[in-house]
């Protein structure tokens, strides 16, 4: 489980990100991101928050939960390097359930880099081929 400040908990926030956020796609993962709103918007130092989802198309409950665990573990080491002030929804695709942890991590890092959510110089974060 992610530390509390990094969790996007309210269903209304998740709906807002799905409705207003920009999407980046990978065969294993979809990343939706939108700037934080409300009181969090005023505090530019608030950390990026994440919600993880998997539809029933990804498989039964065991497969969906595994996919979400893989995604949470893929994001965990990069939390300190993320740009603050963003709300994100990470959606597991059907192929995520059969993927290895290294593949899921590489896919998520790729999306975070493409979206510009990874802060700082690329040297601070290991390249996908190093995982």
Protein backbone atom coordinates (compact mmCIF):
# COMPACT_ATOMS: atom_id res chain seq x y z
CA UNK A 1 0.00 0.00 0.00
CA UNK A 2 1.20 3.49 -0.77
CA UNK A 3 1.86 5.97 2.03
CA UNK A 4 -1.24 8.03 2.86
CA UNK A 5 -0.17 11.34 1.24
CA UNK A 6 0.25 9.59 -2.13
CA UNK A 7 -3.23 8.02 -2.25
CA UNK A 8 -6.07 9.40 -4.33
CA UNK A 9 -8.96 8.24 -2.16
CA UNK A 10 -12.14 10.12 -2.99
CA UNK A 11 -14.24 8.68 -5.85
CA UNK A 12 -15.05 12.23 -6.95
CA UNK A 13 -11.33 12.93 -7.45
CA UNK A 14 -10.91 9.74 -9.49
CA UNK A 15 -13.91 10.69 -11.68
CA UNK A 16 -12.47 14.19 -12.17
CA UNK A 17 -9.10 12.79 -13.30
CA UNK A 18 -10.83 10.36 -15.68
CA UNK A 19 -12.96 13.16 -17.11
CA UNK A 20 -10.43 16.01 -17.28
CA UNK A 21 -7.04 14.28 -17.27
CA UNK A 22 -4.66 13.72 -20.14
CA UNK A 23 -3.94 10.09 -21.04
CA UNK A 24 -0.74 8.28 -21.94
CA UNK A 25 -1.03 4.70 -23.14
CA UNK A 26 1.22 1.65 -23.12
CA UNK A 27 0.25 -1.94 -23.99
CA UNK A 28 0.41 -2.82 -20.26
CA UNK A 29 -0.75 0.38 -18.55
CA UNK A 30 -2.74 3.57 -19.06
CA UNK A 31 -1.81 6.70 -17.10
CA UNK A 32 -4.30 9.54 -16.62
CA UNK A 33 -3.08 12.74 -14.97
CA UNK A 34 -4.72 16.03 -14.07
CA UNK A 35 -3.53 18.95 -11.97
CA UNK A 36 -4.72 18.82 -8.39
CA UNK A 37 -7.68 21.07 -7.65
CA UNK A 38 -9.21 22.80 -4.65
CA UNK A 39 -7.12 23.33 -1.55
CA UNK A 40 -4.38 21.06 -2.94
CA UNK A 41 -4.03 23.37 -5.94
CA UNK A 42 -2.95 26.23 -3.71
CA UNK A 43 -0.23 24.11 -2.13
CA UNK A 44 2.15 23.39 -4.99
CA UNK A 45 4.23 21.21 -2.66
CA UNK A 46 1.51 18.60 -2.15
CA UNK A 47 2.78 15.23 -3.46
CA UNK A 48 1.35 13.55 -6.52
CA UNK A 49 -1.51 11.20 -5.62
CA UNK A 50 -2.37 7.90 -7.30
CA UNK A 51 -5.35 5.58 -7.68
CA UNK A 52 -4.99 2.14 -9.27
CA UNK A 53 -7.78 0.41 -11.15
CA UNK A 54 -8.33 -2.73 -13.21
CA UNK A 55 -11.52 -3.52 -15.06
CA UNK A 56 -13.19 -6.92 -15.09
CA UNK A 57 -11.79 -7.41 -18.58
CA UNK A 58 -8.39 -7.86 -16.88
CA UNK A 59 -9.64 -11.08 -15.29
CA UNK A 60 -11.08 -12.30 -12.04
CA UNK A 61 -10.53 -10.68 -8.66
CA UNK A 62 -7.21 -12.46 -8.11
CA UNK A 63 -5.79 -11.25 -11.44
CA UNK A 64 -7.08 -7.69 -10.97
CA UNK A 65 -5.61 -7.47 -7.47
CA UNK A 66 -2.27 -8.83 -8.70
CA UNK A 67 -2.20 -6.23 -11.47
CA UNK A 68 -2.86 -3.42 -8.98
CA UNK A 69 -0.17 -4.76 -6.63
CA UNK A 70 2.33 -4.83 -9.50
CA UNK A 71 1.49 -1.22 -10.37
CA UNK A 72 1.75 -0.01 -6.76
CA UNK A 73 5.13 -1.67 -6.36
CA UNK A 74 6.31 -0.20 -9.67
CA UNK A 75 5.53 3.36 -8.54
CA UNK A 76 6.77 3.08 -4.94
CA UNK A 77 10.54 3.64 -5.50
CA UNK A 78 9.84 6.70 -7.67
CA UNK A 79 7.53 8.59 -5.30
CA UNK A 80 10.23 11.05 -4.15
CA UNK A 81 11.05 11.93 -7.79
CA UNK A 82 7.50 12.77 -8.89
CA UNK A 83 6.35 16.30 -9.69
CA UNK A 84 4.10 17.58 -6.90
CA UNK A 85 0.55 18.80 -7.42
CA UNK A 86 -0.80 16.08 -9.73
CA UNK A 87 -3.62 13.56 -9.34
CA UNK A 88 -3.15 10.35 -11.34
CA UNK A 89 -5.17 7.25 -12.15
CA UNK A 90 -3.21 4.19 -13.29
CA UNK A 91 -5.29 1.64 -15.18
CA UNK A 92 -4.13 -1.95 -15.60
CA UNK A 93 -4.75 -3.48 -19.01
CA UNK A 94 -5.55 -7.12 -19.69
CA UNK A 95 -1.90 -7.92 -20.47
CA UNK A 96 -0.76 -6.56 -17.10
CA UNK A 97 -1.96 -9.66 -15.25
CA UNK A 98 0.48 -11.91 -17.14
CA UNK A 99 3.43 -9.48 -17.06
CA UNK A 100 6.50 -9.69 -14.82
CA UNK A 101 7.29 -6.97 -12.28
CA UNK A 102 10.21 -5.65 -14.37
CA UNK A 103 7.99 -5.25 -17.44
CA UNK A 104 5.31 -3.40 -15.50
CA UNK A 105 7.92 -1.15 -13.87
CA UNK A 106 9.48 -0.32 -17.23
CA UNK A 107 6.07 0.47 -18.72
CA UNK A 108 5.07 2.75 -15.86
CA UNK A 109 8.43 4.56 -15.84
CA UNK A 110 8.09 5.08 -19.57
CA UNK A 111 4.65 6.65 -19.10
CA UNK A 112 5.81 8.84 -16.22
CA UNK A 113 8.70 10.13 -18.32
CA UNK A 114 6.48 10.78 -21.34
CA UNK A 115 3.99 12.64 -19.17
CA UNK A 116 6.70 14.77 -17.55
CA UNK A 117 5.72 13.67 -14.04
CA UNK A 118 9.21 12.43 -13.15
CA UNK A 119 11.04 15.43 -11.69
CA UNK A 120 14.71 16.20 -12.01
CA UNK A 121 17.40 14.83 -14.24
CA UNK A 122 16.91 11.42 -15.88
CA UNK A 123 20.03 10.24 -14.01
CA UNK A 124 18.11 10.24 -10.73
CA UNK A 125 15.77 7.51 -11.93
CA UNK A 126 16.99 4.18 -13.29
CA UNK A 127 16.33 3.56 -16.94
CA UNK A 128 13.81 0.79 -17.78
CA UNK A 129 16.57 -1.43 -19.13
CA UNK A 130 18.36 -1.18 -15.76
CA UNK A 131 15.42 -2.67 -13.88
